[in-house]
C-alpha atoms as a PDB file:
ATOM      1  CA  MET A   1      16.029 119.916 114.239  1.00  0.00           C
ATOM      2  CA  ARG A   2      16.096 116.684 112.682  1.00  0.00           C
ATOM      3  CA  VAL A   3      19.389 115.087 111.567  1.00  0.00           C
ATOM      4  CA  ASN A   4      19.290 111.305 110.123  1.00  0.00           C
ATOM      5  CA  ALA A   5      15.955 111.042 111.799  1.00  0.00           C
ATOM      6  CA  ASP A   6      14.618 108.426 109.459  1.00  0.00           C
ATOM      7  CA  PHE A   7      15.252 105.079 111.380  1.00  0.00           C
ATOM      8  CA  THR A   8      14.263 102.980 108.423  1.00  0.00           C
ATOM      9  CA  ARG A   9      17.049 103.996 106.627  1.00  0.00           C
ATOM     10  CA  ARG A  10      20.847 103.016 106.738  1.00  0.00           C
ATOM     11  CA  VAL A  11      23.099 105.974 107.807  1.00  0.00           C
ATOM     12  CA  ALA A  12      26.770 106.881 107.464  1.00  0.00           C
ATOM     13  CA  VAL A  13      28.678 109.768 108.849  1.00  0.00           C
ATOM     14  CA  HIS A  14      32.184 110.280 108.129  1.00  0.00           C
ATOM     15  CA  PHE A  15      34.114 112.342 110.603  1.00  0.00           C
ATOM     16  CA  ASP A  16      36.638 114.022 107.859  1.00  0.00           C
ATOM     17  CA  GLN A  17      33.519 114.853 105.819  1.00  0.00           C
ATOM     18  CA  THR A  18      31.365 116.639 108.493  1.00  0.00           C
ATOM     19  CA  GLU A  19      31.768 120.038 109.701  1.00  0.00           C
ATOM     20  CA  TRP A  20      31.974 121.161 113.540  1.00  0.00           C
ATOM     21  CA  VAL A  21      29.053 122.937 114.596  1.00  0.00           C
ATOM     22  CA  ALA A  22      29.148 125.774 117.561  1.00  0.00           C
ATOM     23  CA  SER A  23      27.063 124.703 120.639  1.00  0.00           C
ATOM     24  CA  PRO A  24      25.592 127.408 123.006  1.00  0.00           C
ATOM     25  CA  ALA A  25      28.498 126.801 125.134  1.00  0.00           C
ATOM     26  CA  ALA A  26      31.426 128.832 124.490  1.00  0.00           C
ATOM     27  CA  GLY A  27      34.331 126.334 123.107  1.00  0.00           C
ATOM     28  CA  VAL A  28      32.152 123.279 122.585  1.00  0.00           C
ATOM     29  CA  GLU A  29      31.495 122.186 119.104  1.00  0.00           C
ATOM     30  CA  ARG A  30      29.579 119.428 117.747  1.00  0.00           C
ATOM     31  CA  LYS A  31      29.421 116.820 114.816  1.00  0.00           C
ATOM     32  CA  MET A  32      25.888 115.718 114.853  1.00  0.00           C
ATOM     33  CA  LEU A  33      25.209 111.982 113.613  1.00  0.00           C
ATOM     34  CA  ASP A  34      21.476 111.772 114.354  1.00  0.00           C
ATOM     35  CA  ARG A  35      19.130 114.261 116.369  1.00  0.00           C
ATOM     36  CA  ILE A  36      15.319 114.818 116.992  1.00  0.00           C
ATOM     37  CA  GLY A  37      14.987 118.029 118.815  1.00  0.00           C
ATOM     38  CA  GLU A  38      16.849 121.389 119.700  1.00  0.00           C
ATOM     39  CA  GLU A  39      19.060 121.847 122.747  1.00  0.00           C
ATOM     40  CA  VAL A  40      16.905 119.188 124.599  1.00  0.00           C
ATOM     41  CA  ALA A  41      16.972 116.499 122.051  1.00  0.00           C
ATOM     42  CA  ARG A  42      17.284 112.723 121.374  1.00  0.00           C
ATOM     43  CA  ALA A  43      20.610 112.857 119.812  1.00  0.00           C
ATOM     44  CA  THR A  44      23.855 110.978 118.842  1.00  0.00           C
ATOM     45  CA  THR A  45      26.759 113.400 118.795  1.00  0.00           C
ATOM     46  CA  ILE A  46      30.744 113.872 118.625  1.00  0.00           C
ATOM     47  CA  VAL A  47      31.308 116.782 121.014  1.00  0.00           C
ATOM     48  CA  ARG A  48      34.777 118.654 121.200  1.00  0.00           C
ATOM     49  CA  PHE A  49      35.636 120.566 124.169  1.00  0.00           C
ATOM     50  CA  ALA A  50      38.297 123.063 123.945  1.00  0.00           C
ATOM     51  CA  PRO A  51      40.642 123.609 126.877  1.00  0.00           C
ATOM     52  CA  GLY A  52      38.997 125.112 129.876  1.00  0.00           C
ATOM     53  CA  SER A  53      35.458 124.893 128.194  1.00  0.00           C
ATOM     54  CA  ALA A  54      32.237 123.992 130.135  1.00  0.00           C
ATOM     55  CA  PHE A  55      28.633 123.278 129.973  1.00  0.00           C
ATOM     56  CA  SER A  56      26.469 124.800 132.827  1.00  0.00           C
ATOM     57  CA  ALA A  57      25.017 122.401 135.563  1.00  0.00           C
ATOM     58  CA  HIS A  58      22.129 120.261 133.963  1.00  0.00           C
ATOM     59  CA  THR A  59      19.891 117.246 134.415  1.00  0.00           C
ATOM     60  CA  HIS A  60      19.691 114.179 132.155  1.00  0.00           C
ATOM     61  CA  ASP A  61      15.973 113.442 132.159  1.00  0.00           C
ATOM     62  CA  GLY A  62      16.459 111.124 129.356  1.00  0.00           C
ATOM     63  CA  GLY A  63      19.873 109.683 130.351  1.00  0.00           C
ATOM     64  CA  GLU A  64      23.345 110.211 128.965  1.00  0.00           C
ATOM     65  CA  GLU A  65      25.705 107.652 127.634  1.00  0.00           C
ATOM     66  CA  TYR A  66      29.313 108.813 126.203  1.00  0.00           C
ATOM     67  CA  LEU A  67      32.749 107.381 125.205  1.00  0.00           C
ATOM     68  CA  VAL A  68      35.994 109.308 125.824  1.00  0.00           C
ATOM     69  CA  LEU A  69      37.794 109.548 122.360  1.00  0.00           C
ATOM     70  CA  ASP A  70      40.508 112.270 123.213  1.00  0.00           C
ATOM     71  CA  GLY A  71      41.758 114.165 126.250  1.00  0.00           C
ATOM     72  CA  VAL A  72      40.141 114.235 129.667  1.00  0.00           C
ATOM     73  CA  PHE A  73      36.313 114.792 130.256  1.00  0.00           C
ATOM     74  CA  GLN A  74      35.471 115.799 133.596  1.00  0.00           C
ATOM     75  CA  ASP A  75      32.573 116.578 136.207  1.00  0.00           C
ATOM     76  CA  GLU A  76      31.859 116.354 139.869  1.00  0.00           C
ATOM     77  CA  THR A  77      32.325 112.549 140.040  1.00  0.00           C
ATOM     78  CA  GLY A  78      35.990 112.696 138.597  1.00  0.00           C
ATOM     79  CA  ASP A  79      38.361 112.730 135.679  1.00  0.00           C
ATOM     80  CA  PHE A  80      37.613 110.490 132.648  1.00  0.00           C
ATOM     81  CA  PRO A  81      40.412 109.713 130.366  1.00  0.00           C
ATOM     82  CA  VAL A  82      40.567 108.591 127.065  1.00  0.00           C
ATOM     83  CA  GLY A  83      38.850 105.196 126.705  1.00  0.00           C
ATOM     84  CA  SER A  84      36.413 105.810 129.609  1.00  0.00           C
ATOM     85  CA  TYR A  85      32.778 104.828 128.927  1.00  0.00           C
ATOM     86  CA  VAL A  86      30.159 106.168 131.284  1.00  0.00           C
ATOM     87  CA  ARG A  87      26.222 105.821 131.305  1.00  0.00           C
ATOM     88  CA  ASN A  88      24.413 108.531 133.763  1.00  0.00           C
ATOM     89  CA  PRO A  89      20.856 107.445 133.933  1.00  0.00           C
ATOM     90  CA  PRO A  90      17.741 109.501 133.973  1.00  0.00           C
ATOM     91  CA  THR A  91      17.542 111.943 136.582  1.00  0.00           C
ATOM     92  CA  SER A  92      21.166 112.211 137.112  1.00  0.00           C
ATOM     93  CA  SER A  93      22.872 115.786 136.913  1.00  0.00           C
ATOM     94  CA  HIS A  94      26.331 117.234 136.299  1.00  0.00           C
ATOM     95  CA  THR A  95      28.390 120.045 135.250  1.00  0.00           C
ATOM     96  CA  PRO A  96      30.683 118.624 132.514  1.00  0.00           C
ATOM     97  CA  SER A  97      34.251 120.417 131.758  1.00  0.00           C
ATOM     98  CA  ALA A  98      37.504 119.753 130.111  1.00  0.00           C
ATOM     99  CA  SER A  99      40.384 121.633 131.613  1.00  0.00           C
ATOM    100  CA  GLU A 100      42.832 120.244 129.156  1.00  0.00           C
ATOM    101  CA  GLY A 101      40.290 119.720 126.211  1.00  0.00           C
ATOM    102  CA  ALA A 102      38.368 116.347 125.150  1.00  0.00           C
ATOM    103  CA  THR A 103      36.265 114.794 122.532  1.00  0.00           C
ATOM    104  CA  ILE A 104      33.598 112.435 123.311  1.00  0.00           C
ATOM    105  CA  LEU A 105      30.979 110.262 121.471  1.00  0.00           C
ATOM    106  CA  VAL A 106      27.550 110.919 123.433  1.00  0.00           C
ATOM    107  CA  LYS A 107      24.109 109.648 123.176  1.00  0.00           C
ATOM    108  CA  LEU A 108      21.326 111.580 125.043  1.00  0.00           C
ATOM    109  CA  HIS A 109      17.647 110.911 125.705  1.00  0.00           C
ATOM    110  CA  GLN A 110      17.975 107.382 124.718  1.00  0.00           C
ATOM    111  CA  PHE A 111      17.530 105.400 128.048  1.00  0.00           C
ATOM    112  CA  ASP A 112      14.707 103.304 129.310  1.00  0.00           C
ATOM    113  CA  PRO A 113      12.735 106.023 131.788  1.00  0.00           C
ATOM    114  CA  ASP A 114      13.175 103.442 134.558  1.00  0.00           C
ATOM    115  CA  ASP A 115      16.787 102.616 134.203  1.00  0.00           C
ATOM    116  CA  ARG A 116      18.752 103.879 137.264  1.00  0.00           C
ATOM    117  CA  THR A 117      21.878 101.832 136.352  1.00  0.00           C
ATOM    118  CA  GLU A 118      25.340 103.986 136.564  1.00  0.00           C
ATOM    119  CA  VAL A 119      28.331 102.624 134.630  1.00  0.00           C
ATOM    120  CA  ARG A 120      32.093 103.451 134.956  1.00  0.00           C
ATOM    121  CA  ARG A 121      34.134 101.460 132.606  1.00  0.00           C
ATOM    122  CA  SER A 122      37.399 101.540 130.793  1.00  0.00           C
ATOM    123  CA  ILE A 123      37.896 100.134 127.477  1.00  0.00           C
ATOM    124  CA  ASP A 124      41.702  99.783 127.654  1.00  0.00           C
ATOM    125  CA  GLY A 125      43.350  96.336 127.356  1.00  0.00           C
ATOM    126  CA  GLY A 126      42.133  95.120 124.122  1.00  0.00           C
ATOM    127  CA  GLY A 127      39.740  92.354 123.197  1.00  0.00           C
ATOM    128  CA  ASN A 128      35.928  92.293 123.254  1.00  0.00           C
ATOM    129  CA  ILE A 129      34.480  94.129 126.300  1.00  0.00           C
ATOM    130  CA  GLU A 130      30.907  94.043 127.328  1.00  0.00           C
ATOM    131  CA  LEU A 131      30.032  97.565 128.573  1.00  0.00           C
ATOM    132  CA  PHE A 132      26.456  97.301 129.293  1.00  0.00           C
ATOM    133  CA  SER A 133      23.554  94.919 128.731  1.00  0.00           C
ATOM    134  CA  ASP A 134      19.808  94.755 129.436  1.00  0.00           C
ATOM    135  CA  SER A 135      16.524  93.843 127.888  1.00  0.00           C
ATOM    136  CA  ASN A 136      16.499  96.874 125.681  1.00  0.00           C
ATOM    137  CA  GLU A 137      20.089  97.052 124.420  1.00  0.00           C
ATOM    138  CA  ASP A 138      23.578  95.711 124.425  1.00  0.00           C
ATOM    139  CA  VAL A 139      26.665  97.833 124.162  1.00  0.00           C
ATOM    140  CA  GLN A 140      30.210  96.209 123.675  1.00  0.00           C
ATOM    141  CA  VAL A 141      33.456  97.176 122.077  1.00  0.00           C
ATOM    142  CA  GLN A 142      34.779  94.692 119.638  1.00  0.00           C
ATOM    143  CA  SER A 143      38.119  94.081 118.445  1.00  0.00           C
ATOM    144  CA  TRP A 144      38.349  92.560 114.784  1.00  0.00           C
ATOM    145  CA  ALA A 145      41.375  91.064 113.067  1.00  0.00           C
ATOM    146  CA  ALA A 146      42.583  92.169 109.937  1.00  0.00           C
ATOM    147  CA  GLY A 147      40.552  90.847 107.095  1.00  0.00           C
ATOM    148  CA  GLU A 148      37.818  89.356 109.609  1.00  0.00           C
ATOM    149  CA  ARG A 149      34.438  89.042 108.360  1.00  0.00           C
ATOM    150  CA  VAL A 150      31.851  90.114 111.058  1.00  0.00           C
ATOM    151  CA  GLU A 151      28.161  89.500 110.562  1.00  0.00           C
ATOM    152  CA  LEU A 152      26.168  92.505 111.664  1.00  0.00           C
ATOM    153  CA  ASP A 153      22.699  91.444 113.053  1.00  0.00           C
ATOM    154  CA  ALA A 154      20.585  94.643 113.111  1.00  0.00           C
ATOM    155  CA  SER A 155      17.292  92.782 113.693  1.00  0.00           C
ATOM    156  CA  LYS A 156      16.271  95.479 116.568  1.00  0.00           C
ATOM    157  CA  GLY A 157      18.775  98.140 115.032  1.00  0.00           C
ATOM    158  CA  LEU A 158      22.631  98.713 114.996  1.00  0.00           C
ATOM    159  CA  GLU A 159      25.158 101.193 115.384  1.00  0.00           C
ATOM    160  CA  ALA A 160      28.887 100.803 114.975  1.00  0.00           C
ATOM    161  CA  PHE A 161      31.538 103.626 115.779  1.00  0.00           C
ATOM    162  CA  VAL A 162      35.109 103.039 114.732  1.00  0.00           C
ATOM    163  CA  ILE A 163      37.484 103.732 117.599  1.00  0.00           C
ATOM    164  CA  GLU A 164      40.648 102.528 115.992  1.00  0.00           C
ATOM    165  CA  GLY A 165      41.432 100.927 112.558  1.00  0.00           C
ATOM    166  CA  SER A 166      38.749 100.629 109.698  1.00  0.00           C
ATOM    167  CA  PHE A 167      36.168  98.248 107.978  1.00  0.00           C
ATOM    168  CA  ALA A 168      34.250  98.057 104.830  1.00  0.00           C
ATOM    169  CA  GLU A 169      30.629  97.427 104.775  1.00  0.00           C
ATOM    170  CA  SER A 170      28.413  97.542 101.763  1.00  0.00           C
ATOM    171  CA  ASP A 171      31.366  98.594  99.496  1.00  0.00           C
ATOM    172  CA  GLU A 172      31.923 101.898 101.697  1.00  0.00           C
ATOM    173  CA  GLU A 173      34.877 102.269 104.010  1.00  0.00           C
ATOM    174  CA  PHE A 174      34.760 103.345 107.729  1.00  0.00           C
ATOM    175  CA  GLY A 175      37.873 104.741 109.501  1.00  0.00           C
ATOM    176  CA  THR A 176      38.816 106.400 112.944  1.00  0.00           C
ATOM    177  CA  TRP A 177      35.425 108.140 114.256  1.00  0.00           C
ATOM    178  CA  ASP A 178      33.283 107.234 111.426  1.00  0.00           C
ATOM    179  CA  TRP A 179      29.787 106.021 112.287  1.00  0.00           C
ATOM    180  CA  LEU A 180      27.187 103.613 110.802  1.00  0.00           C
ATOM    181  CA  ARG A 181      23.630 103.008 111.668  1.00  0.00           C
ATOM    182  CA  LEU A 182      21.541 100.069 110.295  1.00  0.00           C
ATOM    183  CA  PRO A 183      17.827  99.949 110.672  1.00  0.00           C
ATOM    184  CA  PRO A 184      15.900  97.226 112.508  1.00  0.00           C
ATOM    185  CA  GLY A 185      15.642  94.138 110.151  1.00  0.00           C
ATOM    186  CA  ALA A 186      18.828  94.858 108.497  1.00  0.00           C
ATOM    187  CA  ARG A 187      21.565  92.406 108.174  1.00  0.00           C
ATOM    188  CA  SER A 188      25.113  93.039 106.698  1.00  0.00           C
ATOM    189  CA  THR A 189      28.644  92.252 106.716  1.00  0.00           C
ATOM    190  CA  ALA A 190      31.557  94.190 107.895  1.00  0.00           C
ATOM    191  CA  VAL A 191      35.299  93.257 106.844  1.00  0.00           C
ATOM    192  CA  ALA A 192      38.047  94.816 109.025  1.00  0.00           C
ATOM    193  CA  GLY A 193      40.762  96.714 107.311  1.00  0.00           C
ATOM    194  CA  GLU A 194      44.469  95.716 107.044  1.00  0.00           C
ATOM    195  CA  ALA A 195      45.290  96.849 110.515  1.00  0.00           C
ATOM    196  CA  GLY A 196      42.169  95.455 112.050  1.00  0.00           C
ATOM    197  CA  ALA A 197      39.520  97.454 113.648  1.00  0.00           C
ATOM    198  CA  ARG A 198      38.311  98.213 117.450  1.00  0.00           C
ATOM    199  CA  VAL A 199      34.620  99.271 117.187  1.00  0.00           C
ATOM    200  CA  TRP A 200      31.889 100.479 119.798  1.00  0.00           C
ATOM    201  CA  ILE A 201      28.780  98.371 118.994  1.00  0.00           C
ATOM    202  CA  LYS A 202      25.219  98.876 120.143  1.00  0.00           C
ATOM    203  CA  ILE A 203      22.315  96.702 119.281  1.00  0.00           C
ATOM    204  CA  GLY A 204      18.784  95.908 119.959  1.00  0.00           C
ATOM    205  CA  HIS A 205      17.699  99.677 120.663  1.00  0.00           C
ATOM    206  CA  LEU A 206      16.115 100.921 117.708  1.00  0.00           C
ATOM    207  CA  SER A 207      12.992  98.822 117.060  1.00  0.00           C
ATOM    208  CA  GLY A 208      10.892 101.314 118.973  1.00  0.00           C
ATOM    209  CA  MET A 209      11.890 103.971 116.462  1.00  0.00           C
ATOM    210  CA  ILE A 210       9.984 102.633 113.276  1.00  0.00           C
END
């Protein structure tokens, strides 16, 4: 399966214009943002867990990174409410579930194979938050004021996911849970909407994809 797999192109996915697709686990649905592979895939996905749903135990050979958008996500290590940012490095394993339901943004099989850094952070509190940074990538939550112009430096690729609010880029509007991917070498400008924007930003990680 290949979804938005040409990393030389700008890609935009709007939450309200994308259908949910059933996963192999009962009660778990997905909106695929990009994907290369079948059930074991390099993937960026919005995943919705119905109350009481779960995936069976599995190991993340290529790592897992997620942000909880709604509800409470759970595994053996604890409960992760809205605003939780988690990185489970390669070789980690867990049994994810959501007793009350949850929605997450998740990225799979995109870590450096030697990365063993675990991250458990909350994005609560507002402002700009550095979530993770190494020689391969930088992950942040940025808060943009109403009307603020933000230069998007995608010299090594960039992803932007709207947590709250909105922004415009290339004459296209992005609202809550919309996603933008810019290819390596691109430069662009985002303009925050009238209520501002809170945006999950990931940069520096796509140069090896082209």
